[in-house]
Amino acid sequence: MVASRPQSGMGPAELVQAAAMARRFYLEGKSKIQIAEEFGVSRFKVARVLETALERDLVRIEIRVPSELDAERSDALRARYGLRHAVVVESPADAPPAFGGQTPPEDAADPENLGEVAADLLGELVAEGDVLGLAWGRSTIHMAAALHRLPPCTVVQLTGVYDAGTADRGSVEAVRRAADVAGGEAHPIYAPMLLPDSATAEALRRQTGIARAFDYFDKVTVACVSIGSWEPGVSTVYDMLTDQEREHYASLGAAAEMSAHLFDAEGRRIGRDLGERCITVEADRLRRIPEVVAIAGGRRKAAAIGAVLRSGLVTSLVTDTAAADHLLLETGPGPRPALDRADPDGA
């Protein structure tokens, strides 16, 4: 069997899932019911995927996806963490060096490449009438810049901005860009992510424009977030805090940050007082969103990605081979955040 990238515009998650299901069915001899149980969908969806694979000439002799996608790691990561979709791309360290250049370091990530793949994934996941939520992050900004197709949908900003002076070049612009591609409404948040105290943050949340965006949080059906490690340069919140505040949260075991929420290495939320000072979607609301796609890669962020995956807040992941290899070496039972939620296809 051969699964090659079709010219009909299939997204990366659809390609990876079709390849994995075809491998189970045609090479491993598993039944559609067994495949449905493994992937957490109905056997009818499995049948549709296999039929589509045949109709679009995905299935021949072996299973392949575009060279920049690692189908084997993607499938292993999805199964390990109970994710709905896991898309693993080649990391800079695995790529051949440019002529006369050097191979990038192992901990390097390519947010632009991750963003491009995530843009294809969102084009595949978002349906007409959905509400798309975008949180601050370099990868999400690259993702928005790479968007070229989205069905008509509303786009809402899920966090305040890193720096008010860069709003038009950051998350606000990302929301506008996505809404332009979708031809839908945009609900940006013109406010800093981190405020001096909870009273100031609460007062800002009551302002008309910000309150309107917050009203949409419960309507979000697909969210896109970034993950940061608790260290300088790879966590927006870390860089915004004072040295004393950083030391305080480090003493609580901070290992990862996502949308201004902190997690220890086991995925437990810590430092909840920080969230009270931030303009951001609440963790409980994130947990109710049917599809939460995280974009993060690089060996340096691998432990943080694992912590956030263990929190159960993320249902899908776009990452690279450097991070995936670390995540696949972790032991112990993995969470099942996606499979514990309702199947978006109604299975």
Protein backbone atom coordinates (compact mmCIF):
# COMPACT_ATOMS: atom_id res chain seq x y z
CA MET A 1 0.00 0.00 0.00
CA VAL A 2 1.15 3.52 -0.71
CA ALA A 3 -0.37 6.65 0.79
CA SER A 4 0.90 9.68 -1.11
CA ARG A 5 -0.21 13.24 -0.62
CA PRO A 6 -3.26 13.78 -2.79
CA GLN A 7 -3.80 16.84 -4.90
CA SER A 8 -7.31 17.32 -3.48
CA GLY A 9 -6.12 19.20 -0.41
CA MET A 10 -6.31 16.64 2.41
CA GLY A 11 -4.94 18.07 5.66
CA PRO A 12 -2.07 16.57 7.66
CA ALA A 13 -4.26 15.04 10.37
CA GLU A 14 -6.49 13.37 7.78
CA LEU A 15 -3.45 12.01 6.00
CA VAL A 16 -1.91 10.66 9.20
CA GLN A 17 -5.19 9.12 10.41
CA ALA A 18 -5.96 7.55 7.03
CA ALA A 19 -2.46 6.09 6.88
CA ALA A 20 -2.72 4.66 10.41
CA MET A 21 -6.16 3.12 9.82
CA ALA A 22 -5.07 1.69 6.47
CA ARG A 23 -2.03 0.11 8.12
CA ARG A 24 -4.21 -1.51 10.78
CA PHE A 25 -6.73 -2.80 8.22
CA TYR A 26 -4.60 -3.84 5.26
CA LEU A 27 -1.29 -4.84 6.90
CA GLU A 28 -2.20 -5.88 10.43
CA GLY A 29 -5.54 -7.49 9.58
CA LYS A 30 -7.52 -5.68 12.28
CA SER A 31 -11.28 -5.36 11.94
CA LYS A 32 -13.06 -2.05 11.54
CA ILE A 33 -14.56 -2.49 15.01
CA GLN A 34 -11.09 -2.96 16.53
CA ILE A 35 -9.80 0.10 14.68
CA ALA A 36 -12.82 2.13 15.79
CA GLU A 37 -12.18 1.22 19.44
CA GLU A 38 -8.50 2.18 19.19
CA PHE A 39 -9.18 5.56 17.59
CA GLY A 40 -12.28 6.35 19.66
CA VAL A 41 -14.61 6.73 16.65
CA SER A 42 -17.44 4.72 15.13
CA ARG A 43 -16.83 1.80 12.76
CA PHE A 44 -18.78 3.77 10.16
CA LYS A 45 -16.18 6.53 10.27
CA VAL A 46 -13.43 3.92 9.88
CA ALA A 47 -15.24 2.57 6.81
CA ARG A 48 -15.52 6.10 5.36
CA VAL A 49 -11.81 6.77 5.90
CA LEU A 50 -10.81 3.48 4.23
CA GLU A 51 -13.16 4.14 1.31
CA THR A 52 -11.74 7.63 0.90
CA ALA A 53 -8.21 6.22 1.00
CA LEU A 54 -9.09 3.95 -1.92
CA GLU A 55 -11.03 6.57 -3.89
CA ARG A 56 -8.24 9.14 -3.62
CA ASP A 57 -5.51 6.63 -4.46
CA LEU A 58 -3.96 6.80 -1.01
CA VAL A 59 -3.78 3.02 -0.75
CA ARG A 60 -1.59 1.02 -3.13
CA ILE A 61 1.21 -1.13 -1.71
CA GLU A 62 2.70 0.78 1.23
CA ILE A 63 1.76 3.75 3.39
CA ARG A 64 3.54 7.05 2.90
CA VAL A 65 2.92 10.68 3.78
CA PRO A 66 4.82 13.78 2.64
CA SER A 67 8.48 13.65 3.65
CA GLU A 68 8.10 16.46 6.18
CA LEU A 69 5.47 14.45 8.10
CA ASP A 70 6.50 11.47 10.24
CA ALA A 71 3.46 9.18 10.16
CA GLU A 72 4.97 6.51 12.45
CA ARG A 73 5.88 8.96 15.22
CA SER A 74 2.56 10.78 14.74
CA ASP A 75 0.56 7.60 15.24
CA ALA A 76 2.67 6.47 18.21
CA LEU A 77 2.32 9.86 19.91
CA ARG A 78 -1.43 9.92 19.32
CA ALA A 79 -1.83 6.47 20.86
CA ARG A 80 0.57 7.16 23.74
CA TYR A 81 -1.25 10.28 24.93
CA GLY A 82 -4.79 9.49 23.81
CA LEU A 83 -4.87 12.46 21.44
CA ARG A 84 -7.38 12.99 18.67
CA HIS A 85 -4.66 14.13 16.27
CA ALA A 86 -0.87 14.20 16.56
CA VAL A 87 1.15 15.56 13.66
CA VAL A 88 4.94 15.25 13.88
CA VAL A 89 7.11 17.17 11.43
CA GLU A 90 10.82 16.94 10.80
CA SER A 91 12.76 19.00 13.34
CA PRO A 92 15.57 21.36 12.28
CA ALA A 93 18.10 19.02 13.90
CA ASP A 94 16.95 16.19 11.60
CA ALA A 95 17.07 18.32 8.47
CA PRO A 96 20.22 18.29 6.32
CA PRO A 97 22.37 21.41 6.82
CA ALA A 98 22.42 24.08 4.17
CA PHE A 99 25.43 24.07 1.85
CA GLY A 100 28.41 25.20 3.89
CA GLY A 101 26.27 25.46 7.05
CA GLN A 102 25.84 23.52 10.24
CA THR A 103 23.05 21.31 11.49
CA PRO A 104 20.80 23.26 13.91
CA PRO A 105 21.09 22.34 17.62
CA GLU A 106 18.87 19.55 18.97
CA ASP A 107 16.82 21.88 21.16
CA ALA A 108 15.98 24.22 18.29
CA ALA A 109 12.43 24.39 16.96
CA ASP A 110 11.09 25.84 13.74
CA PRO A 111 7.94 27.77 14.72
CA GLU A 112 7.38 28.86 11.14
CA ASN A 113 7.30 25.28 9.86
CA LEU A 114 5.14 24.14 12.79
CA GLY A 115 2.82 27.06 12.13
CA GLU A 116 2.45 26.16 8.46
CA VAL A 117 1.49 22.57 9.28
CA ALA A 118 -0.87 23.78 12.02
CA ALA A 119 -2.51 26.12 9.50
CA ASP A 120 -3.22 23.13 7.25
CA LEU A 121 -4.57 21.23 10.25
CA LEU A 122 -6.94 24.04 11.23
CA GLY A 123 -8.14 24.27 7.64
CA GLU A 124 -9.05 20.61 8.01
CA LEU A 125 -10.60 20.74 11.51
CA VAL A 126 -12.61 23.97 11.44
CA ALA A 127 -16.12 23.66 10.00
CA GLU A 128 -18.54 26.31 8.81
CA GLY A 129 -20.16 28.05 11.77
CA ASP A 130 -17.44 27.11 14.25
CA VAL A 131 -15.87 29.59 16.66
CA LEU A 132 -12.07 29.51 16.45
CA GLY A 133 -10.09 30.69 19.48
CA LEU A 134 -6.46 31.83 19.18
CA ALA A 135 -4.15 32.27 22.17
CA TRP A 136 -0.90 34.25 22.19
CA GLY A 137 2.22 32.44 21.06
CA ARG A 138 4.90 32.73 18.41
CA SER A 139 3.76 29.49 16.81
CA THR A 140 0.13 30.58 16.67
CA ILE A 141 1.17 33.85 15.08
CA HIS A 142 3.13 31.95 12.41
CA MET A 143 0.12 29.66 11.99
CA ALA A 144 -2.22 32.60 11.33
CA ALA A 145 0.22 34.09 8.82
CA ALA A 146 0.27 30.77 6.94
CA LEU A 147 -3.52 30.33 6.78
CA HIS A 148 -4.85 30.13 3.25
CA ARG A 149 -8.21 28.41 3.75
CA LEU A 150 -10.84 28.40 6.46
CA PRO A 151 -14.59 27.90 6.18
CA PRO A 152 -16.80 30.79 7.33
CA CYS A 153 -16.34 31.07 11.11
CA THR A 154 -15.96 33.52 13.97
CA VAL A 155 -12.48 34.11 15.40
CA VAL A 156 -11.91 35.19 18.99
CA GLN A 157 -8.73 36.04 20.88
CA LEU A 158 -8.23 33.90 23.99
CA THR A 159 -5.52 35.89 25.77
CA GLY A 160 -4.36 39.44 26.14
CA VAL A 161 -1.29 40.70 24.30
CA TYR A 162 2.31 40.28 25.35
CA ASP A 163 3.09 43.93 24.73
CA ALA A 164 0.49 46.58 23.89
CA GLY A 165 3.01 48.18 21.56
CA THR A 166 3.19 45.04 19.41
CA ALA A 167 -0.54 44.20 19.38
CA ASP A 168 -0.90 44.80 15.66
CA ARG A 169 2.02 42.45 14.97
CA GLY A 170 1.01 39.73 17.40
CA SER A 171 -2.14 38.00 18.58
CA VAL A 172 -4.49 40.82 17.54
CA GLU A 173 -3.18 40.65 13.99
CA ALA A 174 -3.40 36.84 14.10
CA VAL A 175 -7.10 37.07 14.95
CA ARG A 176 -7.68 39.60 12.19
CA ARG A 177 -5.79 37.49 9.67
CA ALA A 178 -7.73 34.33 10.50
CA ALA A 179 -11.05 36.19 10.35
CA ASP A 180 -10.13 37.67 6.96
CA VAL A 181 -9.34 34.21 5.57
CA ALA A 182 -12.58 32.83 7.00
CA GLY A 183 -14.68 35.83 6.02
CA GLY A 184 -16.08 35.92 9.56
CA GLU A 185 -16.22 38.19 12.58
CA ALA A 186 -13.09 38.98 14.60
CA HIS A 187 -13.13 39.56 18.35
CA PRO A 188 -9.66 40.78 19.40
CA ILE A 189 -8.60 41.74 22.92
CA TYR A 190 -6.77 45.04 23.23
CA ALA A 191 -5.37 44.50 26.71
CA PRO A 192 -2.14 43.23 28.27
CA MET A 193 -2.02 39.58 29.20
CA LEU A 194 -0.55 40.25 32.65
CA LEU A 195 -1.83 42.99 34.98
CA PRO A 196 -0.34 44.29 38.26
CA ASP A 197 -3.12 42.79 40.39
CA SER A 198 -6.39 40.85 40.21
CA ALA A 199 -8.54 43.96 40.77
CA THR A 200 -7.11 45.67 37.67
CA ALA A 201 -7.57 42.49 35.64
CA GLU A 202 -11.20 42.15 36.78
CA ALA A 203 -11.92 45.78 35.88
CA LEU A 204 -10.53 45.24 32.38
CA ARG A 205 -12.59 42.08 31.91
CA ARG A 206 -15.73 44.19 32.40
CA GLN A 207 -14.84 46.61 29.60
CA THR A 208 -17.19 46.25 26.65
CA GLY A 209 -14.82 44.93 23.98
CA ILE A 210 -13.04 42.52 26.31
CA ALA A 211 -16.30 41.34 27.89
CA ARG A 212 -17.67 40.61 24.41
CA ALA A 213 -14.65 38.43 23.62
CA PHE A 214 -15.00 36.61 26.96
CA ASP A 215 -18.67 35.95 26.16
CA TYR A 216 -17.50 33.94 23.15
CA PHE A 217 -15.17 31.69 25.18
CA ASP A 218 -17.97 29.23 25.96
CA LYS A 219 -18.84 29.10 22.25
CA VAL A 220 -15.35 28.20 21.05
CA THR A 221 -15.30 24.85 19.25
CA VAL A 222 -11.66 24.80 18.11
CA ALA A 223 -8.80 26.49 19.97
CA CYS A 224 -5.16 26.94 19.04
CA VAL A 225 -2.60 27.41 21.84
CA SER A 226 1.15 27.45 22.39
CA ILE A 227 3.22 25.83 25.15
CA GLY A 228 6.21 27.32 26.93
CA SER A 229 8.84 25.93 29.28
CA TRP A 230 9.39 27.70 32.59
CA GLU A 231 12.59 29.41 31.55
CA PRO A 232 13.60 32.65 29.83
CA GLY A 233 12.85 33.00 26.16
CA VAL A 234 10.44 30.06 25.91
CA SER A 235 7.59 31.29 28.13
CA THR A 236 5.85 34.56 27.54
CA VAL A 237 4.62 34.79 31.13
CA TYR A 238 8.05 33.95 32.55
CA ASP A 239 9.55 36.87 30.64
CA MET A 240 6.86 39.24 31.94
CA LEU A 241 7.37 38.49 35.66
CA THR A 242 9.85 39.88 38.16
CA ASP A 243 12.76 37.76 39.38
CA GLN A 244 11.03 37.34 42.74
CA GLU A 245 7.80 36.13 41.08
CA ARG A 246 9.71 33.69 38.88
CA GLU A 247 11.45 32.22 41.90
CA HIS A 248 8.12 31.91 43.73
CA TYR A 249 6.45 29.91 40.95
CA ALA A 250 9.60 27.86 40.40
CA SER A 251 9.44 26.90 44.08
CA LEU A 252 5.92 25.57 43.45
CA GLY A 253 7.30 23.29 40.76
CA ALA A 254 6.44 25.27 37.62
CA ALA A 255 7.52 23.28 34.57
CA ALA A 256 5.24 24.54 31.80
CA GLU A 257 3.00 27.44 30.85
CA MET A 258 0.08 27.58 28.45
CA SER A 259 -2.12 30.66 28.02
CA ALA A 260 -0.86 32.05 31.37
CA HIS A 261 -1.72 28.82 33.21
CA LEU A 262 1.14 27.09 35.03
CA PHE A 263 1.66 23.33 35.38
CA ASP A 264 4.07 21.16 37.30
CA ALA A 265 5.82 18.18 35.71
CA GLU A 266 2.84 15.93 36.43
CA GLY A 267 0.40 18.24 34.66
CA ARG A 268 -1.16 19.66 37.85
CA ARG A 269 -2.14 23.32 37.75
CA ILE A 270 -0.20 25.51 40.16
CA GLY A 271 -0.01 29.24 40.88
CA ARG A 272 -3.69 29.84 40.28
CA ASP A 273 -3.29 33.35 41.68
CA LEU A 274 -1.34 34.22 38.52
CA GLY A 275 -4.38 33.49 36.38
CA GLU A 276 -6.41 35.98 38.40
CA ARG A 277 -4.02 38.71 37.24
CA CYS A 278 -4.17 37.67 33.59
CA ILE A 279 -6.51 38.36 30.71
CA THR A 280 -6.90 34.81 29.45
CA VAL A 281 -9.37 32.01 28.90
CA GLU A 282 -9.93 30.08 32.12
CA ALA A 283 -8.62 26.51 32.32
CA ASP A 284 -12.11 25.14 33.00
CA ARG A 285 -13.36 26.76 29.81
CA LEU A 286 -10.41 25.35 27.87
CA ARG A 287 -11.30 21.89 29.12
CA ARG A 288 -14.83 22.23 27.72
CA ILE A 289 -13.65 23.18 24.22
CA PRO A 290 -14.11 20.11 21.96
CA GLU A 291 -10.81 20.57 20.08
CA VAL A 292 -7.72 22.23 21.61
CA VAL A 293 -4.71 22.14 19.30
CA ALA A 294 -1.30 22.87 20.84
CA ILE A 295 1.67 23.92 18.70
CA ALA A 296 5.11 23.41 20.24
CA GLY A 297 8.35 21.70 19.33
CA GLY A 298 12.05 21.37 20.07
CA ARG A 299 13.88 19.28 22.65
CA ARG A 300 13.99 22.29 24.98
CA LYS A 301 10.19 22.32 25.23
CA ALA A 302 9.65 18.55 25.29
CA ALA A 303 9.22 18.21 29.06
CA ALA A 304 6.82 21.16 29.12
CA ILE A 305 4.77 19.64 26.30
CA GLY A 306 4.54 16.40 28.27
CA ALA A 307 3.36 18.28 31.36
CA VAL A 308 0.59 20.05 29.46
CA LEU A 309 -0.49 16.83 27.75
CA ARG A 310 -0.80 15.22 31.19
CA SER A 311 -3.09 18.07 32.27
CA GLY A 312 -5.75 16.77 29.87
CA LEU A 313 -6.44 20.23 28.44
CA VAL A 314 -5.05 19.50 24.97
CA THR A 315 -6.75 17.18 22.48
CA SER A 316 -4.37 17.50 19.49
CA LEU A 317 -0.70 18.37 19.02
CA VAL A 318 1.53 19.67 16.25
CA THR A 319 5.17 19.07 17.18
CA ASP A 320 8.50 17.95 15.74
CA THR A 321 10.63 14.82 15.86
CA ALA A 322 12.98 16.17 18.56
CA ALA A 323 10.12 16.70 21.02
CA ALA A 324 8.25 13.56 19.92
CA ASP A 325 11.22 11.29 20.61
CA HIS A 326 11.45 12.58 24.17
CA LEU A 327 7.71 12.25 24.72
CA LEU A 328 7.65 8.68 23.41
CA LEU A 329 10.35 7.67 25.90
CA GLU A 330 8.26 8.72 28.90
CA THR A 331 6.85 5.90 30.97
CA GLY A 332 3.62 5.42 32.87
CA PRO A 333 0.00 5.63 31.71
CA GLY A 334 -0.77 8.51 29.41
CA PRO A 335 -3.86 10.72 29.60
CA ARG A 336 -6.78 10.36 27.21
CA PRO A 337 -7.98 13.98 26.89
CA ALA A 338 -9.42 13.64 23.39
CA LEU A 339 -10.93 10.19 23.70
CA ASP A 340 -12.64 11.15 26.96
CA ARG A 341 -14.50 13.95 25.17
CA ALA A 342 -17.35 13.63 22.70
CA ASP A 343 -16.39 12.52 19.20
CA PRO A 344 -16.81 15.55 16.90
CA ASP A 345 -18.33 13.27 14.25
CA GLY A 346 -21.04 12.18 16.65
CA ALA A 347 -19.76 8.63 17.17
